[in-house]
Structure formats: C-alpha cells, structure tokens
Protein backbone atom coordinates (compact mmCIF):
# COMPACT_ATOMS: atom_id res chain seq x y z
CA UNK A 1 100.45 70.81 104.45
CA UNK A 2 103.49 68.58 105.00
CA UNK A 3 105.95 68.64 102.12
CA UNK A 4 109.12 66.84 101.03
CA UNK A 5 112.42 67.92 99.58
CA UNK A 6 114.49 65.52 97.52
CA UNK A 7 118.07 64.33 97.83
CA UNK A 8 119.87 62.13 95.29
CA UNK A 9 122.93 60.77 97.09
CA UNK A 10 125.59 59.47 94.68
CA UNK A 11 128.43 59.25 97.21
CA UNK A 12 128.42 55.46 97.53
CA UNK A 13 127.69 54.69 93.87
CA UNK A 14 131.17 53.89 92.66
CA UNK A 15 132.42 53.32 89.09
CA UNK A 16 130.38 50.14 88.74
CA UNK A 17 129.99 50.19 84.95
CA UNK A 18 133.63 49.73 83.92
CA UNK A 19 134.39 51.54 80.64
CA UNK A 20 131.05 53.35 80.73
CA UNK A 21 132.15 55.13 83.91
CA UNK A 22 135.69 56.01 82.80
CA UNK A 23 134.57 59.57 82.04
CA UNK A 24 131.27 59.97 83.92
CA UNK A 25 129.61 58.96 87.15
CA UNK A 26 127.16 56.07 87.07
CA UNK A 27 124.11 58.32 87.36
CA UNK A 28 124.97 59.94 84.01
CA UNK A 29 125.24 56.66 82.05
CA UNK A 30 122.79 56.52 79.10
CA UNK A 31 119.93 54.02 79.35
CA UNK A 32 117.06 52.73 77.19
CA UNK A 33 117.87 54.65 74.03
CA UNK A 34 117.34 58.23 75.18
CA UNK A 35 117.63 58.53 78.98
CA UNK A 36 120.29 58.65 81.71
CA UNK A 37 119.99 56.52 84.83
CA UNK A 38 119.35 59.58 86.99
CA UNK A 39 116.35 60.59 84.84
CA UNK A 40 114.12 58.00 86.51
CA UNK A 41 114.82 59.23 90.03
CA UNK A 42 114.51 62.89 89.01
CA UNK A 43 111.27 62.24 87.11
CA UNK A 44 109.76 60.35 90.04
CA UNK A 45 110.55 63.27 92.33
CA UNK A 46 109.26 65.88 89.90
CA UNK A 47 106.08 63.87 89.26
CA UNK A 48 105.59 63.80 93.05
CA UNK A 49 105.64 67.63 93.15
CA UNK A 50 108.97 67.72 94.94
CA UNK A 51 110.20 71.16 93.95
CA UNK A 52 113.56 71.36 95.72
CA UNK A 53 116.07 68.63 94.90
CA UNK A 54 119.78 68.38 95.70
CA UNK A 55 122.34 65.98 94.25
CA UNK A 56 125.41 64.92 96.23
CA UNK A 57 128.23 64.23 93.75
CA UNK A 58 131.80 63.14 94.44
CA UNK A 59 133.65 62.82 91.12
CA UNK A 60 133.26 62.73 87.33
CA UNK A 61 130.20 64.96 87.47
CA UNK A 62 130.87 67.22 84.46
CA UNK A 63 128.77 65.01 82.17
CA UNK A 64 126.01 64.90 84.78
CA UNK A 65 125.94 68.70 85.12
CA UNK A 66 125.88 69.11 81.35
CA UNK A 67 122.89 66.76 81.16
CA UNK A 68 120.96 68.41 83.99
CA UNK A 69 121.56 72.05 83.08
CA UNK A 70 119.16 74.31 84.96
CA UNK A 71 116.73 71.44 85.58
CA UNK A 72 114.20 72.89 83.13
CA UNK A 73 113.54 69.55 81.46
CA UNK A 74 112.32 68.22 84.84
CA UNK A 75 110.32 71.40 85.62
CA UNK A 76 112.91 72.39 88.22
CA UNK A 77 114.06 75.78 86.92
CA UNK A 78 112.38 77.72 89.70
CA UNK A 79 112.94 81.01 91.52
CA UNK A 80 112.38 79.27 94.85
CA UNK A 81 113.67 75.75 95.30
CA UNK A 82 114.65 73.97 92.08
CA UNK A 83 117.64 71.75 91.33
CA UNK A 84 120.96 72.01 93.17
CA UNK A 85 124.06 70.05 92.21
CA UNK A 86 126.33 70.00 95.27
CA UNK A 87 129.87 68.83 94.43
CA UNK A 88 132.42 68.29 97.23
CA UNK A 89 133.96 71.53 98.46
CA UNK A 90 135.43 70.95 101.89
CA UNK A 91 137.17 73.99 103.40
CA UNK A 92 136.83 73.41 107.15
CA UNK A 93 140.23 72.42 108.64
CA UNK A 94 138.53 71.19 111.82
CA UNK A 95 136.05 68.95 110.01
CA UNK A 96 136.10 65.29 111.09
CA UNK A 97 133.24 64.08 108.90
CA UNK A 98 133.78 61.24 106.43
CA UNK A 99 131.95 59.56 103.57
CA UNK A 100 128.54 60.90 102.68
CA UNK A 101 128.35 62.51 106.13
CA UNK A 102 130.75 65.14 104.75
CA UNK A 103 128.11 66.09 102.18
CA UNK A 104 125.42 66.41 104.84
CA UNK A 105 127.73 68.38 107.13
CA UNK A 106 129.00 70.87 104.55
CA UNK A 107 125.60 71.37 102.92
CA UNK A 108 123.68 71.81 106.16
CA UNK A 109 122.52 75.23 104.95
CA UNK A 110 120.70 73.58 102.05
CA UNK A 111 118.51 71.63 104.46
CA UNK A 112 118.00 74.53 106.87
CA UNK A 113 116.95 76.92 104.13
CA UNK A 114 114.60 74.41 102.53
CA UNK A 115 110.92 74.95 103.20
CA UNK A 116 110.02 71.25 103.55
CA UNK A 117 109.81 69.33 106.81
CA UNK A 118 110.66 65.95 105.29
CA UNK A 119 113.45 64.62 103.07
CA UNK A 120 113.14 61.86 100.49
CA UNK A 121 116.54 60.30 99.78
CA UNK A 122 117.39 58.13 96.78
CA UNK A 123 120.28 56.91 94.69
CA UNK A 124 120.22 56.45 90.91
CA UNK A 125 120.45 52.67 90.58
CA UNK A 126 116.78 51.82 91.18
CA UNK A 127 114.89 52.13 87.89
CA UNK A 128 111.13 52.58 88.11
CA UNK A 129 108.39 54.98 87.08
CA UNK A 130 106.37 55.97 90.12
CA UNK A 131 105.26 58.97 92.10
CA UNK A 132 106.14 58.96 95.79
CA UNK A 133 102.84 60.41 97.02
CA UNK A 134 101.57 57.10 98.44
CA UNK A 135 104.92 56.43 100.11
CA UNK A 136 104.75 59.83 101.82
CA UNK A 137 101.08 59.38 102.73
CA UNK A 138 101.80 56.06 104.44
CA UNK A 139 104.79 57.56 106.26
CA UNK A 140 102.60 60.30 107.76
CA UNK A 141 99.63 58.06 108.57
CA UNK A 142 101.74 55.54 110.47
CA UNK A 143 103.82 58.10 112.29
CA UNK A 144 107.03 56.37 111.20
CA UNK A 145 110.49 57.78 111.83
CA UNK A 146 111.73 56.31 108.54
CA UNK A 147 109.88 54.63 105.69
CA UNK A 148 111.79 52.46 103.21
CA UNK A 149 110.55 51.78 99.68
CA UNK A 150 110.91 48.06 99.03
CA UNK A 151 109.95 45.68 96.28
CA UNK A 152 109.79 41.91 95.99
CA UNK A 153 111.42 40.14 93.05
CA UNK A 154 110.18 36.71 91.98
CA UNK A 155 113.72 35.80 90.99
CA UNK A 156 116.79 37.19 92.72
CA UNK A 157 119.49 38.16 90.20
CA UNK A 158 123.21 38.87 90.68
CA UNK A 159 122.58 42.62 91.02
CA UNK A 160 120.47 41.96 94.11
CA UNK A 161 123.42 40.42 95.97
CA UNK A 162 124.71 43.85 96.95
CA UNK A 163 121.28 45.14 98.00
CA UNK A 164 119.98 45.35 101.55
CA UNK A 165 117.14 42.91 102.23
CA UNK A 166 114.31 43.99 104.50
CA UNK A 167 112.61 41.89 107.15
CA UNK A 168 109.19 43.27 108.11
CA UNK A 169 106.06 42.02 109.87
CA UNK A 170 102.55 41.91 108.40
CA UNK A 171 102.05 45.58 109.30
CA UNK A 172 105.19 46.67 107.50
CA UNK A 173 107.22 47.35 110.65
CA UNK A 174 110.88 46.65 109.84
CA UNK A 175 112.68 44.35 112.26
CA UNK A 176 115.83 43.51 110.28
CA UNK A 177 118.07 44.90 107.54
CA UNK A 178 120.40 42.18 106.29
CA UNK A 179 122.06 40.75 103.21
CA UNK A 180 120.12 37.49 103.46
CA UNK A 181 120.37 35.87 99.98
CA UNK A 182 117.05 34.07 100.55
CA UNK A 183 115.06 37.22 101.29
CA UNK A 184 113.39 38.58 98.14
CA UNK A 185 112.20 41.85 99.73
CA UNK A 186 114.81 44.28 98.39
CA UNK A 187 115.44 47.79 99.67
CA UNK A 188 115.39 50.17 96.70
CA UNK A 189 117.60 52.84 98.28
CA UNK A 190 114.61 55.20 98.47
CA UNK A 191 113.47 56.33 101.92
CA UNK A 192 111.83 59.26 103.67
CA UNK A 193 112.35 60.80 107.12
CA UNK A 194 111.80 64.07 108.93
CA UNK A 195 114.46 66.70 108.22
CA UNK A 196 115.10 67.37 111.90
CA UNK A 197 115.70 63.66 112.52
CA UNK A 198 118.10 63.52 109.57
CA UNK A 199 120.20 66.39 110.95
CA UNK A 200 120.24 64.87 114.44
CA UNK A 201 121.42 61.52 113.08
CA UNK A 202 124.11 63.23 110.97
CA UNK A 203 125.49 64.98 114.06
CA UNK A 204 125.42 61.74 116.05
CA UNK A 205 127.24 59.81 113.31
CA UNK A 206 129.94 62.46 112.86
CA UNK A 207 130.51 62.65 116.62
CA UNK A 208 131.17 58.89 116.58
CA UNK A 209 133.49 58.97 113.52
CA UNK A 210 131.06 57.16 111.25
CA UNK A 211 131.07 57.46 107.44
CA UNK A 212 127.79 56.09 106.00
CA UNK A 213 124.52 57.85 106.83
CA UNK A 214 122.12 54.99 106.09
CA UNK A 215 124.18 52.16 107.57
CA UNK A 216 125.42 54.06 110.62
CA UNK A 217 122.52 56.42 111.21
CA UNK A 218 119.50 54.26 110.35
CA UNK A 219 120.44 50.58 110.13
CA UNK A 220 122.49 50.74 113.33
CA UNK A 221 119.55 52.39 115.13
CA UNK A 222 116.94 49.87 114.06
CA UNK A 223 116.17 49.10 117.70
CA UNK A 224 115.26 52.69 118.62
CA UNK A 225 113.77 54.06 115.40
CA UNK A 226 110.25 53.30 114.18
CA UNK A 227 111.06 52.09 110.67
CA UNK A 228 108.36 50.99 108.23
CA UNK A 229 108.37 49.43 104.77
CA UNK A 230 106.32 50.69 101.83
CA UNK A 231 105.83 48.02 99.15
CA UNK A 232 106.19 49.06 95.50
CA UNK A 233 104.67 46.50 93.13
CA UNK A 234 105.27 48.14 89.75
CA UNK A 235 107.96 47.40 87.18
CA UNK A 236 111.46 48.03 88.50
CA UNK A 237 115.09 47.10 87.99
CA UNK A 238 118.39 47.45 89.83
CA UNK A 239 121.37 48.57 87.72
CA UNK A 240 124.66 48.27 89.59
CA UNK A 241 126.91 46.27 87.24
CA UNK A 242 127.64 45.78 83.54
CA UNK A 243 125.72 42.51 83.62
CA UNK A 244 122.60 44.16 85.06
CA UNK A 245 122.97 47.23 82.81
CA UNK A 246 123.07 45.10 79.66
CA UNK A 247 120.31 42.73 80.79
CA UNK A 248 117.91 45.47 81.91
CA UNK A 249 118.40 47.42 78.69
CA UNK A 250 117.75 44.31 76.62
CA UNK A 251 114.67 43.49 78.72
CA UNK A 252 113.05 46.69 77.46
CA UNK A 253 113.03 45.31 73.92
CA UNK A 254 110.11 43.21 75.12
CA UNK A 255 107.04 45.35 74.49
CA UNK A 256 105.35 44.24 77.71
CA UNK A 257 108.30 45.33 79.88
CA UNK A 258 108.63 48.59 77.93
CA UNK A 259 104.98 49.47 78.43
CA UNK A 260 105.09 48.58 82.13
CA UNK A 261 107.96 51.03 82.63
CA UNK A 262 106.96 53.85 80.30
CA UNK A 263 103.19 53.66 79.75
CA UNK A 264 101.73 53.91 83.25
CA UNK A 265 100.47 57.47 82.87
CA UNK A 266 103.60 59.29 84.05
CA UNK A 267 106.28 60.65 81.78
CA UNK A 268 109.93 59.86 82.30
CA UNK A 269 111.57 63.23 81.70
CA UNK A 270 114.98 63.79 80.16
CA UNK A 271 117.06 66.40 78.36
CA UNK A 272 115.26 67.26 75.15
CA UNK A 273 117.11 66.87 71.85
CA UNK A 274 116.29 68.39 68.47
CA UNK A 275 117.30 65.81 65.89
CA UNK A 276 115.50 64.94 62.68
CA UNK A 277 113.92 61.50 62.37
CA UNK A 278 116.25 58.59 61.65
CA UNK A 279 116.61 57.83 57.93
CA UNK A 280 116.15 54.23 56.73
CA UNK A 281 117.46 53.53 53.24
CA UNK A 282 116.27 50.82 50.88
CA UNK A 283 118.94 48.41 52.19
CA UNK A 284 118.00 48.85 55.87
CA UNK A 285 116.56 45.92 57.79
CA UNK A 286 115.54 46.68 61.39
CA UNK A 287 113.70 44.31 63.74
CA UNK A 288 112.98 44.09 67.47
CA UNK A 289 114.95 47.25 68.24
CA UNK A 290 114.72 50.70 69.82
CA UNK A 291 116.13 53.35 67.50
CA UNK A 292 116.36 57.01 68.51
CA UNK A 293 116.31 60.04 66.20
CA UNK A 294 118.97 61.57 63.97
CA UNK A 295 120.56 58.41 62.61
CA UNK A 296 121.07 56.84 59.20
CA UNK A 297 120.46 53.08 58.87
CA UNK A 298 121.65 51.31 55.74
CA UNK A 299 122.48 47.90 57.22
CA UNK A 300 120.79 45.33 59.48
CA UNK A 301 119.87 46.04 63.10
CA UNK A 302 118.44 43.19 65.15
CA UNK A 303 117.35 43.17 68.80
CA UNK A 304 119.43 46.25 69.62
CA UNK A 305 119.19 49.70 71.17
CA UNK A 306 120.51 52.65 69.15
CA UNK A 307 120.73 56.11 70.68
CA UNK A 308 120.55 59.30 68.59
CA UNK A 309 122.74 60.11 65.57
CA UNK A 310 123.97 56.55 64.98
CA UNK A 311 125.10 55.58 61.48
CA UNK A 312 124.97 51.93 60.36
CA UNK A 313 126.63 51.42 56.99
CA UNK A 314 125.46 49.26 54.11
CA UNK A 315 126.07 45.58 54.75
CA UNK A 316 126.83 46.12 58.45
CA UNK A 317 125.10 43.79 60.93
CA UNK A 318 124.26 44.88 64.50
CA UNK A 319 122.79 42.22 66.79
CA UNK A 320 122.02 42.32 70.55
CA UNK A 321 123.95 45.58 70.92
CA UNK A 322 123.68 48.90 72.76
CA UNK A 323 125.02 51.70 70.56
CA UNK A 324 125.23 55.16 72.10
CA UNK A 325 124.94 58.50 70.34
CA UNK A 326 127.19 59.73 67.52
CA UNK A 327 128.60 56.24 66.79
CA UNK A 328 129.57 55.22 63.26
CA UNK A 329 129.52 51.61 62.10
CA UNK A 330 131.09 51.40 58.65
CA UNK A 331 129.94 49.04 55.87
CA UNK A 332 130.54 45.32 56.33
CA UNK A 333 131.12 45.43 60.10
CA UNK A 334 129.58 42.71 62.28
CA UNK A 335 128.72 43.44 65.93
CA UNK A 336 127.09 41.04 68.38
CA UNK A 337 126.65 41.50 72.15
CA UNK A 338 128.55 44.80 72.06
CA UNK A 339 128.14 47.99 74.10
CA UNK A 340 129.56 51.07 72.36
CA UNK A 341 129.94 54.32 74.28
CA UNK A 342 129.54 57.73 72.59
CA UNK A 343 131.53 58.81 69.53
CA UNK A 344 132.96 55.36 68.73
CA UNK A 345 133.83 54.45 65.15
CA UNK A 346 133.91 50.84 63.91
CA UNK A 347 135.89 50.60 60.71
CA UNK A 348 134.94 48.64 57.61
CA UNK A 349 134.56 44.83 57.90
CA UNK A 350 135.48 44.63 61.59
CA UNK A 351 134.02 41.69 63.54
CA UNK A 352 133.35 42.15 67.26
CA UNK A 353 131.52 39.48 69.26
CA UNK A 354 130.96 39.47 73.01
CA UNK A 355 129.01 37.12 75.25
CA UNK A 356 125.56 37.86 76.64
CA UNK A 357 126.98 37.31 80.12
CA UNK A 358 129.95 39.59 79.35
CA UNK A 359 129.34 41.95 76.42
CA UNK A 360 132.23 43.51 74.56
CA UNK A 361 132.53 47.13 75.73
CA UNK A 362 134.16 49.95 73.77
CA UNK A 363 135.00 53.11 75.69
CA UNK A 364 134.17 56.61 74.50
CA UNK A 365 135.75 58.10 71.36
CA UNK A 366 137.63 54.93 70.35
CA UNK A 367 138.31 53.89 66.76
CA UNK A 368 138.31 50.13 66.20
C-alpha cells in the first residue's frame, strides 16, 4: 500500500503578523479561541493517517515546540515515525544550499529513513478541516508527478494577492502558475509528490544555486512535470496578514462559518488544557462571542473571541476584540477592534479603539 509522510515547511512564512510574531513564528499564533494556526495542518495530516511528520523551522520556534511537545495531542507520539521538529543546524562548510533547500539538504536522512514513498508538503497559512485521502487517491490514479490542492474563492480578498493562482484544463492538468489577480483558483500551499522526485529536484536546484523548492523545483519545471490540480470545495481561509487574521477570526463568530470549519465530522486537534469553566457573575453580559475556559467575566463582551483565563472586570466593555490567554481587563476599560496578545493587562478606565481594517494590537506582556 502506498503511503505518505508529511512535511510542514515554515521557511518562507515570515513575520507576517506584526506584534503577534515578535516572540513566535506565524505557525504558533493563536487562532479561533483555543487553537494555533499550525493545528489545522497537523490535524489534517493526522486525520489522514500520516504517521511521520516533520516541521522545517527557521526562527522563533520555542513557542511552537512548547505547544507541540511530543505530538501526543495529535496522536503522533509513536515509537516509529511520529513528529519531528527540525530547526536549522548547518555544520557543513562546503554546503552551497540556500533558502528552504538547506532544510531539505541537511535533513536528507529524515526522508531516506522514512518508510513512505510519497511526501505531502504544506505550510501553516491555509486554514481548513479536511483529510487528504482523496487528494492522494487522485494523485495515484492519474499518475501525476505533483498534485496541488487548490480552491476557488467567490471573492478574492487582499490575502489572496500573495498566493499563486493555478491555471488548469477541464481534466485538472496544470498549465500555468501565475499571480493573475483575475484568477480565483488559489493554490493552498499543499501538494504531494513522490519522495524520490523530491530528492532529485532538491539536488538539481542546489546544483543551480536556487533557493526556493516550490518555485525553482516545481513551478520552473512546469513544462516537463505532469502537474495536476485537486479541487477542495470545503470551508477554508488564508491567513497571511493582520487584516486576514482579524477578519478570519471574526468570521468564525458566524455560526454557519464555525460549523462549516469545525463540524464536518473531523476533529481539529490541539494541545489540551485543564482549566475550570469560565465564571460569569451577575453583572456579566456576553453576546455573539467565543469564550474559552478558565476566565472570569464581570463586564460586557460583544462579538469577541476570548481565549482561556481571561478576566473582564465589572463595567468593562469588550467589543469586536481578540483577547488571548491570561489577559486582564480591569473595571471600566473600553476596548473596540483590539487584538491583545498573551499576558496583557489593561488598567482601569482605559479606552482603546482600533479600526476594523487596522485593529489596535498590543504585544505580549504589556501593561496599558
């Protein structure tokens, strides 16, 4: 039976979330009240019975490693295979590799020792809840060299500007990879190919002083590789900017969108916490919000997302906000269109108002 191994490549995902990525990589940024961005990719792989998964990291990965631990929460704490976090550790003085090709080159043993014949590669910016079984099945049936997971958006948003657009015929054969702003077929960053082909393309790219595996190894070889597109038609989102991060979080306050992402029969797995339920006092007034466990709500929370252990004081008003864990909002404070990172304290009677297009962001551990 043909099998896949997983690779989450974070090399080209830069610090795209401003203050939220001061102290962590983008993949470790909290999302939707209890998750991290990487949880969706990891869950999709785990739900597809991919039992050996590697993560290429470049910087600010301490928070990510703390979140992932042994991989037990994603059923990846295994004697054979499991989860591997592969930070940069280049010790070869004769190495000429650059970019993410350095990761492939220096971790070649990971691929050679793996038992699978195919590799599924993904980033962490494509948010969806799907198993990859049908993608892999189509890849094998059509005898493709590479199969790209794509999706079509009815409305192209600013976050799609940076995405590769896919041109394909009626049979799904890819004939172009461009940045055409009129093309609504967006490449998700998820693709599958044979492991032997991957290693051959890595060697070819390094020999020609290239630095980007997908652009230089696959896109540049579109004329000689048999590349197909697999269409994903479920709920999805691209998160690659503060604007998209805020908008896609807020979108999940709509019950229809929330159910489309989380209630399709597959669990989105994450690190399990052990907090008590949130306490709502007699003065609390909460509407249209997602509120995680462990908090104490005495004030008003409207159309907001509160992570675990958040305290909202009496008379405080929180509207259209994303409040991460361990934050304290003292009595009388007013917050609107605000994103608060972990361990932030808002003192009594403060007023902070951002715009929906540009929310006010408070970095970790600040006191305002």
